[in-house]
Structures are given as structure tokens and as C-alpha cells.
Amino acid sequence: MRLLVLVVLSVALMVVDARFTLLKPVRSQMSLVLMQSYWITDLPQRLWQGVASQFGSRTELVAENEKLKTENLLLQGRMQKLAALTEQNVRLRELLNSSALVNEKVEVAELIGMDPNPFTHRIIINKGERDGVILGQPVLDARGLMGQVVELMPYTSRVLLLTDTTHSIPVQVNRNGLRAIASGTGNPERLELRHVADTADIKEGDLLVSSGLGQRFPAGYPVATVKEVIHDSGQPFAIVRAVPTAALNRSRYLLLVFSDGRTAEERANEAAQAQEALDQHGGGPIIPATVPKPVPATTVVPAATAAPAATPAAAVPAPATPAPATPAKPAKPAAAKPPAASKPPAVKPAAKPPVPEPAATGRQE
């Protein structure tokens, strides 16, 4: 009797979990307990990797080091070309008044579990809601797209792979831009393009990349390579089979792609504000460079006013001092000095406007 009650209760719980979301908080809390079991079951693999890395031969390490150096040089060369193409793409999109995601933020995650159900292709990673993961977030490895996050837990997430029968992704042929929909077949080594016209320009070896039309996966990431194209004259659509570029059954370290959630209008406004701030910063230094110039011109005026205060006391010896200096100079200053010699008897109007006139002429000389 107890066994029957437990069986009925289990079936009821499975139905409620499949049809409704009432047990979602319970599952989220249970994941905290199961996280410890994941860590314990993964401990032997970690220990084996640590021991193997410690006892690796020097020859293998040297060979691997040389290989990594060569790959690093090749990737640096490609990155330089990619940087130029990226800048060109940005400029062209600015001319077209459009925007696109060029650089996405990524975070490394590790695979810690797989779904035991052979009819579903799902994996569990060690990044969850506490790490900023969101539903529908793209997941990829070093070769291409792997899937998307379909379930969130505090410290873990469940990822649906591309080859699952319930998953589809919009793609395009990298060679000519032909758009199609790649759907999972349940086989981890095969995808299928559905509703492709029999006359479509697609052939074996074409690279399929994400088109970005579904607003879920960023555009331009490799998805699969066309393996087989079957044309049937009696059918309107061709049968196209492809192989995923990602190592779905072998990749252990994955990348979570954090796309920019801003709209095109928000990005355009921020770009305009940044450009305006840059223009203001570039025009700022010119203003202080012109302001100090008139300041010394105004300070000369009080110096001129202070000079006549001392002139009445030494008005007579003043013409005697410039007299010996004038013969040494050309005839031009000599012509200007005689009126200065004839003016000393008129000392009374010196306090009046005539006094600043010789002071001004002396300053001009």
C-alpha cells in the first residue's frame, strides 16, 4: 500500500512539475543541496587532472609550449586584421545610421553535469542567477555556439543544446547570406535545415553562422557546417544536413555571452552625448589661452599713472638724463627730443593732460 501511495505521489509530482511552475522555487532550493553532490562526484576527475598535470613529462610540456606560442602568433596576426575590419564595420554602420554588437562581454563557465535522459540534450553549468546569468543567454565553446540557458538556479544553470529536438536557431550561409532555420534532430552530431527551397544556393562545406534575427543569439557566430544536400525533383524542399561546429559532447569549459541590452536609440543618444563631451573638451583649452593676454595690458595703466606722481619732484633732471642718450641714437629720436627740451619751463600744466603725453611717447619708443 505504501509503495502504491509513493508511486501515485511521484507521478503527481512529475505531472505538476511538467505542466505548471508551482515546484520551481522548490527545485531552486534543492539545487543548493545538489550542488554539493555535483562537487563530490566531480572530485575524482579534478584529482586525476591534478595528478596528471603534476607528472607530465618535460618533453610534452616543451612541445605544448612551442605549439601555444605558434598559435598565439597566428591569433595575434588575425586579431590585428580583425581589429581593422571591426573599425571599418563600425564606420560603415555609422554611415548607415545603424548599430550592432561588435564586442560582447563573456564569462567562463564549467560543465558540471548532464541530463541523464537520452532523449533530451541538456547540460548543467556552474554559473547561476547569483552570477548574473539570465534566461535565454547564449552559450558557446571555442568552436561555435552550443545552446542557450533555459533554467536558472542560484548557483547553477541548465543549458539546452542546439541538437535537442525542441531547439531551433535562425542561421545564414556565410558564403552568400542565404537564411534558414537549423533544428535539432536528437543526434548530437547532426542538425537539419528545414524548408530550404530545392533551388537554393547551398552546397556541401558551406559554413552556417547565426543570423541574429531571433534577437536571442548574436550574429556572426559559427553554428554548423553543411555535410549533405539532397535534391529531389518531386519535392519542393531540399534535405540539408549539417554538423555542429561546437564539440557538444567533449567541451568542458564554456563561454556565457552577455549581450548589450540597450536599444539602438539609447546607444545613439549615448554616442551623441560622448561626442558632444569630446567636442567641449577639445575646445576648452582655447578660451583660457586668450583670456590672459588682455590682463597684462590693463595692468600697465596703473604703472603709467604711478609715474606722473614722481615726475613733479624730478621734472627738471628728467630731460637732462635722456639728452646724453639721444645723440647716440639715429636722427629720428633727435628730432623728437627738441620739443621735450623746450617744454621744461612749462611745469605748471605738467599735472594736466600734457604730462601723460611724453610718458606715452617715451613708452612707445
Protein backbone atom coordinates (compact mmCIF):
# COMPACT_ATOMS: atom_id res chain seq x y z
CA MET A 1 0.00 0.00 0.00
CA ARG A 2 2.80 2.40 0.85
CA LEU A 3 4.52 1.63 -2.43
CA LEU A 4 1.33 2.45 -4.35
CA VAL A 5 0.95 5.74 -2.48
CA LEU A 6 4.54 6.68 -3.20
CA VAL A 7 4.15 5.80 -6.88
CA VAL A 8 0.99 7.89 -7.19
CA LEU A 9 2.66 10.78 -5.36
CA SER A 10 5.70 10.60 -7.63
CA VAL A 11 3.56 10.60 -10.76
CA ALA A 12 1.57 13.54 -9.46
CA LEU A 13 4.72 15.50 -8.71
CA MET A 14 6.12 14.80 -12.19
CA VAL A 15 2.89 15.93 -13.84
CA VAL A 16 2.73 19.11 -11.75
CA ASP A 17 6.40 19.85 -12.47
CA ALA A 18 5.93 19.31 -16.21
CA ARG A 19 2.66 21.22 -16.59
CA PHE A 20 2.93 24.00 -14.04
CA THR A 21 5.58 26.18 -12.35
CA LEU A 22 4.50 25.58 -8.77
CA LEU A 23 7.55 23.49 -7.94
CA LYS A 24 10.07 25.86 -9.48
CA PRO A 25 11.02 27.51 -6.11
CA VAL A 26 11.37 24.05 -4.55
CA ARG A 27 13.69 22.95 -7.35
CA SER A 28 15.71 26.13 -6.97
CA GLN A 29 16.24 25.45 -3.26
CA MET A 30 17.01 21.79 -3.86
CA SER A 31 19.76 22.81 -6.25
CA LEU A 32 21.66 24.29 -3.29
CA VAL A 33 21.79 20.83 -1.73
CA LEU A 34 22.54 19.07 -5.02
CA MET A 35 25.41 21.48 -5.68
CA GLN A 36 27.41 19.67 -3.02
CA SER A 37 26.74 16.32 -4.66
CA TYR A 38 27.90 17.70 -8.02
CA TRP A 39 31.13 18.86 -6.41
CA ILE A 40 31.69 15.49 -4.71
CA THR A 41 31.02 13.46 -7.86
CA ASP A 42 33.35 15.71 -9.85
CA LEU A 43 36.13 15.44 -7.25
CA PRO A 44 37.78 12.28 -8.71
CA GLN A 45 38.05 13.93 -12.13
CA ARG A 46 39.67 17.01 -10.58
CA LEU A 47 42.11 14.90 -8.60
CA TRP A 48 43.06 12.91 -11.70
CA GLN A 49 43.66 16.05 -13.70
CA GLY A 50 45.79 17.48 -10.91
CA VAL A 51 47.93 14.34 -10.64
CA ALA A 52 48.31 14.07 -14.42
CA SER A 53 49.40 17.70 -14.67
CA GLN A 54 51.98 17.21 -11.92
CA PHE A 55 53.58 14.13 -13.51
CA GLY A 56 53.57 15.37 -17.11
CA SER A 57 56.85 14.86 -18.90
CA ARG A 58 59.10 17.80 -19.67
CA THR A 59 59.15 16.92 -23.37
CA GLU A 60 55.37 17.16 -23.62
CA LEU A 61 55.37 20.48 -21.79
CA VAL A 62 58.05 21.94 -24.07
CA ALA A 63 56.22 20.75 -27.19
CA GLU A 64 52.93 22.16 -25.92
CA ASN A 65 54.63 25.44 -25.09
CA GLU A 66 56.03 25.76 -28.61
CA LYS A 67 52.66 24.92 -30.10
CA LEU A 68 50.93 27.52 -27.96
CA LYS A 69 53.49 30.16 -28.92
CA THR A 70 52.90 29.45 -32.61
CA GLU A 71 49.13 29.60 -32.20
CA ASN A 72 49.48 32.82 -30.22
CA LEU A 73 51.43 34.48 -33.03
CA LEU A 74 48.88 33.35 -35.60
CA LEU A 75 45.97 34.57 -33.49
CA GLN A 76 47.67 37.92 -32.91
CA GLY A 77 48.08 38.37 -36.65
CA ARG A 78 44.43 37.54 -37.22
CA MET A 79 43.39 39.83 -34.38
CA GLN A 80 45.18 42.78 -35.99
CA LYS A 81 43.29 42.23 -39.21
CA LEU A 82 40.06 41.70 -37.29
CA ALA A 83 40.56 45.00 -35.45
CA ALA A 84 40.84 46.85 -38.75
CA LEU A 85 37.74 45.10 -40.11
CA THR A 86 35.84 45.86 -36.92
CA GLU A 87 36.65 49.57 -37.11
CA GLN A 88 35.65 49.60 -40.76
CA ASN A 89 32.39 47.88 -39.91
CA VAL A 90 31.67 50.45 -37.21
CA ARG A 91 32.32 53.34 -39.58
CA LEU A 92 30.10 51.83 -42.27
CA ARG A 93 27.29 51.27 -39.79
CA GLU A 94 27.61 54.86 -38.61
CA LEU A 95 27.20 55.97 -42.21
CA LEU A 96 24.12 53.76 -42.47
CA ASN A 97 22.79 55.20 -39.18
CA SER A 98 22.59 51.74 -37.66
CA SER A 99 24.25 49.92 -34.80
CA ALA A 100 25.30 46.38 -33.98
CA LEU A 101 27.01 44.43 -31.25
CA VAL A 102 30.72 44.29 -32.01
CA ASN A 103 32.22 43.32 -28.66
CA GLU A 104 30.21 41.14 -26.27
CA LYS A 105 31.11 40.54 -22.67
CA VAL A 106 31.77 36.87 -21.92
CA GLU A 107 32.32 34.83 -18.77
CA VAL A 108 33.87 31.40 -18.45
CA ALA A 109 31.70 28.59 -17.07
CA GLU A 110 32.39 24.92 -16.43
CA LEU A 111 30.23 21.91 -17.21
CA ILE A 112 29.38 20.02 -14.01
CA GLY A 113 26.57 17.70 -15.08
CA MET A 114 24.47 16.26 -17.90
CA ASP A 115 20.82 15.30 -18.14
CA PRO A 116 20.53 11.51 -17.85
CA ASN A 117 17.54 11.46 -20.17
CA PRO A 118 18.85 10.23 -23.56
CA PHE A 119 16.01 11.98 -25.42
CA THR A 120 16.91 15.47 -24.17
CA HIS A 121 20.21 17.24 -24.75
CA ARG A 122 20.77 19.39 -21.69
CA ILE A 123 23.80 20.15 -19.54
CA ILE A 124 24.38 21.88 -16.19
CA ILE A 125 26.99 24.61 -15.71
CA ASN A 126 28.43 26.11 -12.52
CA LYS A 127 27.10 29.65 -13.12
CA GLY A 128 23.68 30.71 -11.96
CA GLU A 129 21.44 33.60 -11.08
CA ARG A 130 23.89 34.88 -8.46
CA ASP A 131 26.48 35.28 -11.26
CA GLY A 132 24.20 37.41 -13.44
CA VAL A 133 23.07 34.65 -15.80
CA ILE A 134 19.70 35.27 -17.46
CA LEU A 135 17.20 33.07 -19.26
CA GLY A 136 17.91 32.66 -22.95
CA GLN A 137 21.56 33.63 -22.61
CA PRO A 138 23.74 32.19 -25.42
CA VAL A 139 26.38 29.62 -24.54
CA LEU A 140 29.32 28.75 -26.79
CA ASP A 141 32.67 26.99 -26.69
CA ALA A 142 35.95 27.61 -28.52
CA ARG A 143 34.47 26.40 -31.84
CA GLY A 144 30.94 27.76 -32.02
CA LEU A 145 27.50 28.05 -30.45
CA MET A 146 26.33 25.29 -28.15
CA GLY A 147 22.88 26.38 -26.93
CA GLN A 148 21.07 28.67 -24.55
CA VAL A 149 20.15 28.86 -20.87
CA VAL A 150 16.63 27.53 -20.23
CA GLU A 151 16.56 27.19 -16.46
CA LEU A 152 18.12 29.28 -13.69
CA MET A 153 19.14 28.27 -10.18
CA PRO A 154 21.08 30.30 -7.62
CA TYR A 155 24.49 28.79 -8.37
CA THR A 156 23.89 26.61 -11.43
CA SER A 157 22.05 26.80 -14.75
CA ARG A 158 20.62 24.33 -17.22
CA VAL A 159 21.57 24.76 -20.88
CA LEU A 160 19.58 23.40 -23.83
CA LEU A 161 21.90 22.28 -26.64
CA LEU A 162 21.39 23.02 -30.31
CA THR A 163 20.83 19.35 -31.18
CA ASP A 164 17.79 18.95 -28.92
CA THR A 165 14.61 18.16 -30.84
CA THR A 166 12.85 21.17 -29.30
CA HIS A 167 15.52 23.69 -30.28
CA SER A 168 15.79 25.78 -33.44
CA ILE A 169 18.05 28.68 -34.37
CA PRO A 170 17.96 31.12 -37.33
CA VAL A 171 21.13 30.83 -39.40
CA GLN A 172 22.53 32.06 -42.69
CA VAL A 173 25.06 30.72 -45.16
CA ASN A 174 28.28 32.62 -44.66
CA ARG A 175 29.10 32.42 -48.37
CA ASN A 176 26.03 34.14 -49.78
CA GLY A 177 23.82 35.17 -46.84
CA LEU A 178 21.03 32.64 -47.53
CA ARG A 179 18.77 32.47 -44.47
CA ALA A 180 17.33 29.29 -42.97
CA ILE A 181 16.29 27.63 -39.72
CA ALA A 182 18.55 24.96 -38.18
CA SER A 183 16.68 22.50 -35.97
CA GLY A 184 17.91 19.77 -33.65
CA THR A 185 17.42 16.12 -34.60
CA GLY A 186 18.21 14.40 -31.31
CA ASN A 187 21.57 13.31 -32.71
CA PRO A 188 24.49 15.17 -31.09
CA GLU A 189 26.35 15.14 -34.42
CA ARG A 190 23.63 16.43 -36.71
CA LEU A 191 21.44 19.46 -37.40
CA GLU A 192 18.87 19.80 -40.12
CA LEU A 193 17.83 22.80 -42.21
CA ARG A 194 14.12 22.77 -42.79
CA HIS A 195 12.05 24.42 -45.53
CA VAL A 196 15.03 25.17 -47.76
CA ALA A 197 13.97 25.56 -51.38
CA ASP A 198 15.21 22.89 -53.75
CA THR A 199 16.75 25.58 -55.96
CA ALA A 200 18.52 27.37 -53.08
CA ASP A 201 22.21 28.13 -53.49
CA ILE A 202 23.61 25.89 -50.77
CA LYS A 203 26.19 23.16 -51.08
CA GLU A 204 28.32 20.82 -49.05
CA GLY A 205 31.01 22.54 -46.97
CA ASP A 206 29.15 25.84 -46.51
CA LEU A 207 29.57 27.41 -43.08
CA LEU A 208 26.35 28.31 -41.26
CA VAL A 209 26.54 31.25 -38.85
CA SER A 210 23.94 32.78 -36.57
CA SER A 211 21.93 35.48 -38.30
CA GLY A 212 20.76 37.30 -35.16
CA LEU A 213 17.18 37.55 -36.46
CA GLY A 214 15.71 35.81 -33.44
CA GLN A 215 17.10 38.51 -31.10
CA ARG A 216 18.44 35.72 -28.90
CA PHE A 217 21.81 34.72 -30.38
CA PRO A 218 24.36 37.35 -31.50
CA ALA A 219 25.03 37.46 -35.22
CA GLY A 220 28.16 36.02 -36.78
CA TYR A 221 28.95 33.04 -34.53
CA PRO A 222 29.58 29.66 -36.25
CA VAL A 223 26.79 27.14 -35.82
CA ALA A 224 27.36 24.22 -38.20
CA THR A 225 28.93 23.07 -41.46
CA VAL A 226 26.78 21.65 -44.24
CA LYS A 227 27.54 17.97 -44.67
CA GLU A 228 24.91 16.76 -47.13
CA VAL A 229 22.42 18.32 -49.54
CA ILE A 230 19.83 16.03 -51.14
CA HIS A 231 17.77 17.37 -54.06
CA ASP A 232 14.54 15.64 -55.03
CA SER A 233 12.78 16.88 -58.13
CA GLY A 234 9.45 15.73 -56.76
CA GLN A 235 9.77 17.69 -53.52
CA PRO A 236 9.62 21.49 -53.11
CA PHE A 237 12.26 21.48 -50.37
CA ALA A 238 15.76 20.03 -50.26
CA ILE A 239 17.07 17.89 -47.43
CA VAL A 240 20.05 19.64 -45.85
CA ARG A 241 22.03 18.06 -43.02
CA ALA A 242 24.79 19.83 -41.11
CA VAL A 243 27.33 19.02 -38.40
CA PRO A 244 27.62 21.40 -35.41
CA THR A 245 30.94 23.20 -35.19
CA ALA A 246 30.93 23.11 -31.38
CA ALA A 247 32.13 19.99 -29.59
CA LEU A 248 28.83 19.32 -27.82
CA ASN A 249 29.95 16.00 -26.30
CA ARG A 250 33.52 16.99 -25.43
CA SER A 251 33.69 20.64 -24.36
CA ARG A 252 34.09 21.14 -20.63
CA TYR A 253 34.74 24.90 -20.41
CA LEU A 254 32.12 27.17 -21.96
CA LEU A 255 31.52 30.88 -22.51
CA LEU A 256 28.43 32.79 -21.45
CA VAL A 257 27.74 35.74 -23.75
CA PHE A 258 26.39 38.89 -22.12
CA SER A 259 24.85 40.95 -24.89
CA ASP A 260 24.17 44.68 -24.71
CA GLY A 261 20.58 45.14 -23.59
CA ARG A 262 20.33 48.76 -24.74
CA THR A 263 18.15 49.71 -27.65
CA ALA A 264 19.50 51.32 -30.80
CA GLU A 265 18.06 54.69 -29.74
CA GLU A 266 19.78 54.54 -26.34
CA ARG A 267 23.11 53.65 -27.91
CA ALA A 268 22.74 56.52 -30.41
CA ASN A 269 21.93 59.01 -27.61
CA GLU A 270 24.91 57.91 -25.56
CA ALA A 271 27.17 58.16 -28.58
CA ALA A 272 25.90 61.70 -29.28
CA GLN A 273 26.49 62.73 -25.66
CA ALA A 274 30.00 61.30 -25.72
CA GLN A 275 30.78 63.16 -28.96
CA GLU A 276 29.43 66.41 -27.50
CA ALA A 277 31.56 65.99 -24.37
CA LEU A 278 34.59 65.32 -26.54
CA ASP A 279 33.97 68.46 -28.58
CA GLN A 280 33.64 70.54 -25.43
CA HIS A 281 36.83 69.09 -24.02
CA GLY A 282 38.69 69.79 -27.27
CA GLY A 283 37.51 73.44 -27.43
CA GLY A 284 38.07 74.18 -23.73
CA PRO A 285 41.81 74.94 -23.68
CA ILE A 286 41.49 77.66 -26.35
CA ILE A 287 39.49 80.03 -24.09
CA PRO A 288 41.97 80.28 -21.20
CA ALA A 289 44.80 80.82 -23.68
CA THR A 290 43.14 84.02 -24.97
CA VAL A 291 41.96 85.37 -21.62
CA PRO A 292 45.35 86.14 -20.00
CA LYS A 293 46.51 88.29 -22.92
CA PRO A 294 44.38 91.41 -22.17
CA VAL A 295 45.15 91.16 -18.41
CA PRO A 296 48.77 92.47 -18.62
CA ALA A 297 47.57 95.31 -20.92
CA THR A 298 45.23 96.53 -18.16
CA THR A 299 47.94 96.28 -15.51
CA VAL A 300 50.20 98.67 -17.49
CA VAL A 301 47.75 101.52 -16.99
CA PRO A 302 48.25 101.87 -13.22
CA ALA A 303 52.02 101.79 -13.83
CA ALA A 304 51.62 104.80 -16.12
CA THR A 305 49.53 106.62 -13.55
CA ALA A 306 52.15 105.96 -10.86
CA ALA A 307 54.89 107.54 -13.00
CA PRO A 308 53.45 111.06 -13.11
CA ALA A 309 53.22 111.09 -9.32
CA ALA A 310 57.02 111.08 -9.16
CA THR A 311 57.57 113.40 -12.15
CA PRO A 312 56.76 116.71 -10.46
CA ALA A 313 59.55 116.20 -7.93
CA ALA A 314 62.11 115.38 -10.61
CA ALA A 315 60.74 117.19 -13.59
CA VAL A 316 63.92 119.26 -14.23
CA PRO A 317 66.54 116.46 -14.07
CA ALA A 318 64.37 114.20 -16.22
CA PRO A 319 65.16 115.95 -19.53
CA ALA A 320 68.86 116.01 -18.65
CA THR A 321 69.11 112.23 -18.50
CA PRO A 322 67.64 111.47 -21.92
CA ALA A 323 69.75 114.24 -23.54
CA PRO A 324 73.06 112.29 -23.48
CA ALA A 325 71.31 109.15 -24.67
CA THR A 326 69.71 110.80 -27.67
CA PRO A 327 72.89 111.75 -29.59
CA ALA A 328 73.97 108.13 -29.64
CA LYS A 329 70.75 107.16 -31.41
CA PRO A 330 69.80 107.98 -35.01
CA ALA A 331 68.37 111.27 -36.20
CA LYS A 332 64.80 110.05 -35.62
CA PRO A 333 64.92 110.29 -31.84
CA ALA A 334 66.92 113.56 -32.08
CA ALA A 335 64.01 115.18 -33.89
CA ALA A 336 61.66 114.03 -31.19
CA LYS A 337 63.76 115.33 -28.25
CA PRO A 338 63.93 119.12 -29.01
CA PRO A 339 60.26 119.61 -28.21
CA ALA A 340 60.96 117.77 -24.95
CA ALA A 341 63.76 120.27 -24.15
CA SER A 342 61.56 123.27 -24.93
CA LYS A 343 58.77 122.04 -22.67
CA PRO A 344 60.58 122.04 -19.25
CA PRO A 345 59.74 125.72 -18.47
CA ALA A 346 56.02 124.83 -18.71
CA VAL A 347 55.96 122.75 -15.49
CA LYS A 348 52.56 124.05 -14.35
CA PRO A 349 50.49 122.15 -16.90
CA ALA A 350 52.51 119.03 -16.05
CA ALA A 351 49.77 117.93 -13.68
CA LYS A 352 47.31 118.28 -16.52
CA PRO A 353 46.88 116.07 -19.62
CA PRO A 354 50.20 117.15 -21.26
CA VAL A 355 52.14 115.07 -18.72
CA PRO A 356 50.85 111.65 -19.88
CA GLU A 357 51.66 112.54 -23.49
CA PRO A 358 55.51 112.50 -23.07
CA ALA A 359 55.18 109.49 -20.83
CA ALA A 360 53.21 107.75 -23.54
CA THR A 361 55.71 108.75 -26.23
CA GLY A 362 58.58 107.51 -24.06
CA ARG A 363 56.76 104.18 -23.63
CA GLN A 364 56.19 103.84 -27.33
CA GLU A 365 59.89 104.36 -28.04
